[in-house]
Amino acid sequence: MVKATDIIGRRVMAREGGQEIGKIADLFVDPTGKHVLGFLISTGGLGGKKAAPWAALQAIGPDSVVLDSAGSVVKPDKVPEIKEILDKELAVRGLQLNTTQGKTLGKIEDFRFDEQSGAIEGFELSGGVFGHKSILPAPPSIELGKDVAFVAPEVEETIEKL
C-alpha cells in the first residue's frame, strides 16, 4: 500500500528506451473513489502537464515510477476517463468529507492505494471527528464532488485515529 503524497514528485521513467519523462504531479481517481485511473505528469518546459493511464504502469518504486513507454504519456484530453475527471474538476485531496445527513467528518488530505491494482484502500482525514489526523478505510460508496465528498452516515463508525 502506498500514499498518493508519497509518490507525488517522484521521477517518471519509460522502460522502453530508458527515458526520463518528468515527475508525478498528481493522481487521477475515478468518480466512484474506488481506483486510481492514472497519473498527471509534469514534463517541464513547453510540454507542460501530461497524463499516463494506469494501464501504462509497470512499477511504483521507492525512487521512481516506471511506465511501459514514453508513448503512454499523452495530453490529458486524449485519455477519455481522465478527461472526464478534468472536465468535472474532480480531485480527491482537499475535499471536505460529509455524511449524506450533513455531518462533517473532516478534510481528505491523502489517500492510500494498492500499487499493484490501483484500488483505493483508505482516505486520510484531518479535523472532523477526532479533531486531528484519522483514517477512513475505503467505504462501500463515496460520491466525489467539486468541493465535497459524501458518504453514508454509518461510515463514521469506521474512522480510526492515526
Protein backbone atom coordinates (compact mmCIF):
# COMPACT_ATOMS: atom_id res chain seq x y z
CA MET A 1 0.00 0.00 0.00
CA VAL A 2 1.26 3.47 -0.88
CA LYS A 3 0.04 7.01 -0.19
CA ALA A 4 -0.62 9.42 -3.03
CA THR A 5 1.56 12.13 -1.48
CA ASP A 6 4.46 9.66 -1.20
CA ILE A 7 4.73 9.31 -4.97
CA ILE A 8 3.99 12.92 -5.95
CA GLY A 9 7.31 14.40 -7.04
CA ARG A 10 8.89 11.05 -7.98
CA ARG A 11 10.63 10.78 -11.32
CA VAL A 12 8.77 9.04 -14.15
CA MET A 13 10.78 6.71 -16.37
CA ALA A 14 9.88 4.89 -19.57
CA ARG A 15 11.14 1.32 -19.52
CA GLU A 16 11.22 1.16 -23.32
CA GLY A 17 14.22 3.25 -24.27
CA GLY A 18 15.13 4.09 -20.66
CA GLN A 19 13.93 7.69 -20.96
CA GLU A 20 13.17 10.05 -18.07
CA ILE A 21 9.82 11.68 -18.83
CA GLY A 22 9.14 14.00 -15.91
CA LYS A 23 7.74 13.90 -12.38
CA ILE A 24 4.44 12.79 -10.87
CA ALA A 25 2.37 15.95 -10.28
CA ASP A 26 -0.85 14.26 -9.11
CA LEU A 27 -3.02 11.17 -9.44
CA PHE A 28 -6.40 10.77 -11.08
CA VAL A 29 -9.09 8.85 -9.17
CA ASP A 30 -12.26 7.53 -10.80
CA PRO A 31 -15.55 9.33 -9.94
CA THR A 32 -16.59 6.48 -7.61
CA GLY A 33 -13.46 6.93 -5.47
CA LYS A 34 -12.52 3.27 -5.90
CA HIS A 35 -9.46 3.24 -8.21
CA VAL A 36 -6.53 5.29 -9.41
CA LEU A 37 -7.06 5.92 -13.13
CA GLY A 38 -3.66 7.33 -13.91
CA PHE A 39 -1.07 9.98 -13.28
CA LEU A 40 -0.63 13.67 -14.04
CA ILE A 41 2.97 14.16 -15.12
CA SER A 42 4.87 17.42 -15.15
CA THR A 43 7.18 17.19 -18.14
CA GLY A 44 8.76 20.62 -17.70
CA GLY A 45 9.45 23.13 -20.43
CA LEU A 46 6.80 23.76 -23.06
CA GLY A 47 5.42 20.22 -22.71
CA GLY A 48 3.61 21.24 -19.53
CA LYS A 49 1.48 18.55 -17.93
CA LYS A 50 0.61 15.24 -19.49
CA ALA A 51 -1.21 12.12 -18.37
CA ALA A 52 -0.46 8.42 -18.27
CA PRO A 53 -3.23 5.85 -17.78
CA TRP A 54 -2.92 3.22 -15.05
CA ALA A 55 -2.57 0.54 -17.74
CA ALA A 56 0.84 2.00 -18.70
CA LEU A 57 2.24 1.46 -15.18
CA GLN A 58 4.97 -1.13 -14.79
CA ALA A 59 6.13 -0.34 -11.24
CA ILE A 60 5.97 2.16 -8.42
CA GLY A 61 9.43 2.05 -6.91
CA PRO A 62 10.98 3.85 -3.95
CA ASP A 63 12.65 6.42 -6.23
CA SER A 64 10.68 6.44 -9.47
CA VAL A 65 7.54 5.38 -11.29
CA VAL A 66 8.18 3.16 -14.29
CA LEU A 67 5.85 3.27 -17.29
CA ASP A 68 5.93 0.92 -20.28
CA SER A 69 6.91 3.59 -22.84
CA ALA A 70 7.14 7.33 -23.42
CA GLY A 71 4.28 6.90 -25.92
CA SER A 72 1.94 6.20 -23.00
CA VAL A 73 2.32 9.79 -21.83
CA VAL A 74 -0.17 11.96 -23.70
CA LYS A 75 -2.19 15.15 -23.36
CA PRO A 76 -4.80 14.55 -20.61
CA ASP A 77 -7.72 15.05 -23.01
CA LYS A 78 -6.52 12.04 -25.06
CA VAL A 79 -7.50 9.62 -22.25
CA PRO A 80 -11.34 9.68 -22.05
CA GLU A 81 -11.68 8.66 -18.39
CA ILE A 82 -9.05 11.22 -17.34
CA LYS A 83 -10.66 13.93 -19.49
CA GLU A 84 -13.95 13.25 -17.65
CA ILE A 85 -12.23 13.83 -14.29
CA LEU A 86 -10.71 17.09 -15.52
CA ASP A 87 -13.98 18.28 -17.07
CA LYS A 88 -15.82 17.68 -13.79
CA GLU A 89 -12.93 19.20 -11.80
CA LEU A 90 -12.81 16.15 -9.54
CA ALA A 91 -9.88 15.89 -7.16
CA VAL A 92 -9.86 13.77 -4.02
CA ARG A 93 -7.23 15.51 -1.94
CA GLY A 94 -8.58 18.68 -0.37
CA LEU A 95 -12.26 17.69 -0.45
CA GLN A 96 -14.40 18.14 2.63
CA LEU A 97 -15.94 14.81 3.65
CA ASN A 98 -19.55 14.90 4.81
CA THR A 99 -22.19 12.33 5.56
CA THR A 100 -25.30 12.43 3.41
CA GLN A 101 -27.03 13.73 6.55
CA GLY A 102 -24.83 16.83 6.71
CA LYS A 103 -22.18 15.94 9.31
CA THR A 104 -18.62 16.99 8.51
CA LEU A 105 -16.17 14.13 9.03
CA GLY A 106 -13.04 16.06 8.08
CA LYS A 107 -10.97 17.05 5.09
CA ILE A 108 -9.40 14.45 2.80
CA GLU A 109 -5.65 15.12 2.97
CA ASP A 110 -4.38 11.98 1.27
CA PHE A 111 -5.39 8.51 0.14
CA ARG A 112 -3.81 5.09 0.23
CA PHE A 113 -3.96 2.65 -2.63
CA ASP A 114 -2.69 -0.75 -3.71
CA GLU A 115 0.27 -0.20 -6.04
CA GLN A 116 -0.49 -3.38 -8.00
CA SER A 117 -4.21 -2.88 -8.70
CA GLY A 118 -4.76 0.85 -8.09
CA ALA A 119 -7.61 0.06 -5.67
CA ILE A 120 -8.18 2.81 -3.09
CA GLU A 121 -7.78 1.34 0.39
CA GLY A 122 -8.45 4.37 2.56
CA PHE A 123 -8.56 8.14 2.96
CA GLU A 124 -6.53 10.16 5.44
CA LEU A 125 -8.60 12.90 7.08
CA SER A 126 -7.73 15.98 9.11
CA GLY A 127 -10.05 17.76 11.53
CA GLY A 128 -13.58 16.46 11.80
CA VAL A 129 -14.46 13.53 14.07
CA PHE A 130 -11.24 13.29 16.09
CA GLY A 131 -10.08 16.89 15.58
CA HIS A 132 -6.80 15.65 14.10
CA LYS A 133 -5.49 13.01 11.69
CA SER A 134 -7.59 9.90 11.16
CA ILE A 135 -8.09 7.21 8.54
CA LEU A 136 -11.28 6.19 6.80
CA PRO A 137 -10.99 2.69 5.31
CA ALA A 138 -12.39 2.67 1.76
CA PRO A 139 -16.16 2.99 2.25
CA PRO A 140 -18.65 0.91 0.25
CA SER A 141 -19.69 4.09 -1.54
CA ILE A 142 -18.34 7.64 -1.82
CA GLU A 143 -19.71 10.43 -4.01
CA LEU A 144 -16.94 12.77 -5.15
CA GLY A 145 -17.88 16.34 -6.00
CA LYS A 146 -16.10 19.56 -6.83
CA ASP A 147 -15.89 20.75 -3.19
CA VAL A 148 -17.40 17.99 -1.05
CA ALA A 149 -17.43 14.19 -0.97
CA PHE A 150 -20.39 12.39 0.58
CA VAL A 151 -20.56 9.06 2.40
CA ALA A 152 -23.33 7.23 4.25
CA PRO A 153 -23.73 8.20 7.93
CA GLU A 154 -22.71 4.71 9.17
CA VAL A 155 -19.25 5.22 7.61
CA GLU A 156 -18.38 7.49 10.55
CA GLU A 157 -18.13 4.40 12.80
CA THR A 158 -15.25 3.02 10.67
CA ILE A 159 -12.99 6.08 11.05
CA GLU A 160 -9.88 5.36 13.15
CA LYS A 161 -7.35 7.68 14.80
CA LEU A 162 -3.92 7.77 13.19
